[in-house]
C-alpha atoms as a PDB file:
ATOM      1  CA  MET A   1      -4.270  21.710 -49.431  1.00  0.00           C
ATOM      2  CA  ARG A   2      -3.639  23.955 -46.409  1.00  0.00           C
ATOM      3  CA  PHE A   3      -7.191  23.557 -45.244  1.00  0.00           C
ATOM      4  CA  SER A   4      -7.014  19.746 -45.327  1.00  0.00           C
ATOM      5  CA  ALA A   5      -3.676  19.765 -43.437  1.00  0.00           C
ATOM      6  CA  LEU A   6      -5.157  22.072 -40.777  1.00  0.00           C
ATOM      7  CA  LEU A   7      -8.249  19.895 -40.524  1.00  0.00           C
ATOM      8  CA  LEU A   8      -6.069  16.791 -40.139  1.00  0.00           C
ATOM      9  CA  CYS A   9      -4.021  18.415 -37.350  1.00  0.00           C
ATOM     10  CA  LEU A  10      -7.137  19.543 -35.460  1.00  0.00           C
ATOM     11  CA  THR A  11      -8.696  16.081 -35.753  1.00  0.00           C
ATOM     12  CA  MET A  12      -5.548  14.398 -34.418  1.00  0.00           C
ATOM     13  CA  ALA A  13      -5.228  16.874 -31.524  1.00  0.00           C
ATOM     14  CA  ALA A  14      -8.873  16.370 -30.507  1.00  0.00           C
ATOM     15  CA  GLY A  15      -8.469  12.598 -30.623  1.00  0.00           C
ATOM     16  CA  CYS A  16      -5.367  12.648 -28.431  1.00  0.00           C
ATOM     17  CA  ALA A  17      -6.927  14.972 -25.865  1.00  0.00           C
ATOM     18  CA  SER A  18     -10.136  13.000 -25.458  1.00  0.00           C
ATOM     19  CA  GLY A  19      -8.408   9.606 -25.338  1.00  0.00           C
ATOM     20  CA  GLY A  20      -6.017  10.672 -22.580  1.00  0.00           C
ATOM     21  CA  ALA A  21      -8.698  12.179 -20.374  1.00  0.00           C
ATOM     22  CA  THR A  22     -10.986   9.164 -20.621  1.00  0.00           C
ATOM     23  CA  GLY A  23      -8.232   6.660 -19.811  1.00  0.00           C
ATOM     24  CA  ALA A  24      -6.956   8.597 -16.796  1.00  0.00           C
ATOM     25  CA  SER A  25     -10.337   9.054 -15.116  1.00  0.00           C
ATOM     26  CA  SER A  26     -11.567   5.461 -15.520  1.00  0.00           C
ATOM     27  CA  ALA A  27      -8.952   3.862 -13.235  1.00  0.00           C
ATOM     28  CA  PRO A  28      -9.669   4.156  -9.490  1.00  0.00           C
ATOM     29  CA  LEU A  29      -6.838   5.575  -7.403  1.00  0.00           C
ATOM     30  CA  ARG A  30      -5.704   3.438  -4.468  1.00  0.00           C
ATOM     31  CA  ASN A  31      -3.073   4.199  -1.894  1.00  0.00           C
ATOM     32  CA  PRO A  32      -0.547   1.331  -2.077  1.00  0.00           C
ATOM     33  CA  ASP A  33       0.145   1.692   1.655  1.00  0.00           C
ATOM     34  CA  VAL A  34      -3.466   1.616   2.893  1.00  0.00           C
ATOM     35  CA  ILE A  35      -6.229  -0.986   2.801  1.00  0.00           C
ATOM     36  CA  THR A  36      -9.517   0.720   3.572  1.00  0.00           C
ATOM     37  CA  GLU A  37     -12.553  -0.571   5.437  1.00  0.00           C
ATOM     38  CA  SER A  38     -14.573  -0.724   2.211  1.00  0.00           C
ATOM     39  CA  GLU A  39     -11.963  -3.039   0.666  1.00  0.00           C
ATOM     40  CA  LEU A  40     -11.903  -5.226   3.775  1.00  0.00           C
ATOM     41  CA  VAL A  41     -15.688  -5.562   3.999  1.00  0.00           C
ATOM     42  CA  SER A  42     -15.872  -6.986   0.496  1.00  0.00           C
ATOM     43  CA  ALA A  43     -12.762  -9.196   0.876  1.00  0.00           C
ATOM     44  CA  PRO A  44     -13.419 -12.967   1.015  1.00  0.00           C
ATOM     45  CA  TYR A  45     -10.561 -13.581   3.474  1.00  0.00           C
ATOM     46  CA  SER A  46     -10.727 -14.562   7.130  1.00  0.00           C
ATOM     47  CA  ASN A  47      -7.628 -12.892   8.575  1.00  0.00           C
ATOM     48  CA  ALA A  48      -5.423  -9.828   8.137  1.00  0.00           C
ATOM     49  CA  TYR A  49      -2.502 -11.710   6.594  1.00  0.00           C
ATOM     50  CA  ASP A  50      -4.601 -13.223   3.793  1.00  0.00           C
ATOM     51  CA  ALA A  51      -6.218  -9.849   3.038  1.00  0.00           C
ATOM     52  CA  ILE A  52      -2.853  -8.093   2.820  1.00  0.00           C
ATOM     53  CA  GLN A  53      -1.341 -10.932   0.774  1.00  0.00           C
ATOM     54  CA  HIS A  54      -4.068 -10.580  -1.853  1.00  0.00           C
ATOM     55  CA  LEU A  55      -4.857  -6.842  -1.766  1.00  0.00           C
ATOM     56  CA  ARG A  56      -1.421  -5.242  -1.132  1.00  0.00           C
ATOM     57  CA  PRO A  57       1.301  -7.941  -1.171  1.00  0.00           C
ATOM     58  CA  GLN A  58       4.040  -5.293  -1.324  1.00  0.00           C
ATOM     59  CA  MET A  59       3.276  -4.481   2.343  1.00  0.00           C
ATOM     60  CA  LEU A  60       4.714  -7.868   3.315  1.00  0.00           C
ATOM     61  CA  VAL A  61       7.948  -7.468   1.371  1.00  0.00           C
ATOM     62  CA  GLN A  62      11.017  -7.136   3.562  1.00  0.00           C
ATOM     63  CA  ARG A  63      12.509  -3.707   2.921  1.00  0.00           C
ATOM     64  CA  ALA A  64      16.049  -2.642   3.651  1.00  0.00           C
ATOM     65  CA  GLY A  65      16.294  -0.577   6.801  1.00  0.00           C
ATOM     66  CA  SER A  66      17.651   2.934   6.566  1.00  0.00           C
ATOM     67  CA  GLY A  67      19.689   2.533   9.731  1.00  0.00           C
ATOM     68  CA  SER A  68      21.614  -0.591   8.683  1.00  0.00           C
ATOM     69  CA  SER A  69      24.641  -0.708   6.470  1.00  0.00           C
ATOM     70  CA  SER A  70      25.203  -4.381   5.659  1.00  0.00           C
ATOM     71  CA  LEU A  71      22.997  -6.932   3.957  1.00  0.00           C
ATOM     72  CA  THR A  72      23.292  -9.367   6.847  1.00  0.00           C
ATOM     73  CA  GLN A  73      22.150  -6.741   9.329  1.00  0.00           C
ATOM     74  CA  GLN A  74      19.225  -5.705   7.123  1.00  0.00           C
ATOM     75  CA  SER A  75      17.938  -9.243   6.690  1.00  0.00           C
ATOM     76  CA  SER A  76      17.767  -9.754  10.470  1.00  0.00           C
ATOM     77  CA  TYR A  77      15.148  -7.016  10.883  1.00  0.00           C
ATOM     78  CA  ALA A  78      11.476  -7.734  10.331  1.00  0.00           C
ATOM     79  CA  ILE A  79       8.369  -5.670   9.751  1.00  0.00           C
ATOM     80  CA  LYS A  80       6.605  -5.091  13.071  1.00  0.00           C
ATOM     81  CA  VAL A  81       2.844  -5.160  13.508  1.00  0.00           C
ATOM     82  CA  TYR A  82       0.870  -2.774  15.720  1.00  0.00           C
ATOM     83  CA  MET A  83      -2.832  -2.864  16.509  1.00  0.00           C
ATOM     84  CA  ASP A  84      -4.378   0.356  17.781  1.00  0.00           C
ATOM     85  CA  GLY A  85      -0.879   1.566  18.680  1.00  0.00           C
ATOM     86  CA  VAL A  86       0.083  -1.543  20.665  1.00  0.00           C
ATOM     87  CA  PRO A  87       2.854  -3.858  19.371  1.00  0.00           C
ATOM     88  CA  ILE A  88       1.509  -7.348  18.702  1.00  0.00           C
ATOM     89  CA  GLY A  89       4.486  -9.006  17.005  1.00  0.00           C
ATOM     90  CA  GLY A  90       5.571  -9.724  13.458  1.00  0.00           C
ATOM     91  CA  VAL A  91       4.004 -10.496  10.112  1.00  0.00           C
ATOM     92  CA  ALA A  92       3.120 -14.091  11.101  1.00  0.00           C
ATOM     93  CA  ASP A  93       0.893 -12.722  13.877  1.00  0.00           C
ATOM     94  CA  LEU A  94      -1.367 -11.145  11.241  1.00  0.00           C
ATOM     95  CA  ARG A  95      -2.878 -14.614  10.708  1.00  0.00           C
ATOM     96  CA  GLN A  96      -4.374 -14.425  14.227  1.00  0.00           C
ATOM     97  CA  ILE A  97      -6.272 -11.189  13.566  1.00  0.00           C
ATOM     98  CA  PRO A  98      -9.796 -11.760  12.213  1.00  0.00           C
ATOM     99  CA  LEU A  99     -10.714  -9.503   9.319  1.00  0.00           C
ATOM    100  CA  ALA A 100     -14.148  -8.732  10.763  1.00  0.00           C
ATOM    101  CA  GLY A 101     -12.694  -6.501  13.485  1.00  0.00           C
ATOM    102  CA  ILE A 102     -10.432  -4.369  11.259  1.00  0.00           C
ATOM    103  CA  LYS A 103     -11.189  -0.836  10.105  1.00  0.00           C
ATOM    104  CA  GLU A 104      -7.909  -0.057   8.294  1.00  0.00           C
ATOM    105  CA  ILE A 105      -4.507  -1.573   7.552  1.00  0.00           C
ATOM    106  CA  ARG A 106      -1.629   0.781   6.817  1.00  0.00           C
ATOM    107  CA  TYR A 107       2.053   0.263   6.024  1.00  0.00           C
ATOM    108  CA  LEU A 108       4.503   2.795   7.499  1.00  0.00           C
ATOM    109  CA  GLY A 109       7.991   3.074   6.075  1.00  0.00           C
ATOM    110  CA  PRO A 110      11.023   2.821   8.388  1.00  0.00           C
ATOM    111  CA  THR A 111      11.320   6.561   9.026  1.00  0.00           C
ATOM    112  CA  GLU A 112       7.637   7.112   9.771  1.00  0.00           C
ATOM    113  CA  ALA A 113       7.415   3.938  11.888  1.00  0.00           C
ATOM    114  CA  THR A 114      10.458   5.002  13.931  1.00  0.00           C
ATOM    115  CA  GLN A 115       9.036   8.493  14.452  1.00  0.00           C
ATOM    116  CA  ARG A 116       5.708   7.069  15.593  1.00  0.00           C
ATOM    117  CA  PHE A 117       6.782   4.009  17.606  1.00  0.00           C
ATOM    118  CA  GLY A 118      10.473   4.547  18.365  1.00  0.00           C
ATOM    119  CA  THR A 119      13.600   2.671  17.409  1.00  0.00           C
ATOM    120  CA  GLY A 120      13.501  -0.941  16.257  1.00  0.00           C
ATOM    121  CA  ASN A 121      11.300  -0.365  13.206  1.00  0.00           C
ATOM    122  CA  VAL A 122      14.017  -0.344  10.550  1.00  0.00           C
ATOM    123  CA  ALA A 123      11.936  -2.522   8.207  1.00  0.00           C
ATOM    124  CA  GLY A 124       8.786  -0.475   8.706  1.00  0.00           C
ATOM    125  CA  ALA A 125       5.522  -1.344  10.382  1.00  0.00           C
ATOM    126  CA  ILE A 126       2.045  -2.548   9.571  1.00  0.00           C
ATOM    127  CA  VAL A 127      -0.499  -0.619  11.614  1.00  0.00           C
ATOM    128  CA  ILE A 128      -3.997  -1.992  12.098  1.00  0.00           C
ATOM    129  CA  ARG A 129      -6.911   0.109  13.318  1.00  0.00           C
ATOM    130  CA  SER A 130      -9.758  -1.898  14.785  1.00  0.00           C
ATOM    131  CA  ARG A 131     -13.440  -1.033  14.630  1.00  0.00           C
END
């Protein structure tokens, strides 16, 4: 009786350990704030906006700014877009950027965007690196 209970416990423990390891390693890890060149090369989209909309739609979601205190103030701020460190406008301007010339697209949160580009980035920034 003891032997069969021990055998049952060992069998269950081995099954749990192998199932967890296999499931964890099979899923590729992606940074939710970065779209890499390899993803962009294989993307069937023509511009940056369409690629972001399909690959990382959360980048386009208006986030509440850390420097604002009211909902009306927060809604008046928009995500800014930078290409190679130069401001190019807002999210709508992403439609004018052809995908073929992009190496990487990255979302920066409000704090990181403000540290990198200065004030006025309370909703964060989308930073594009060209080839």
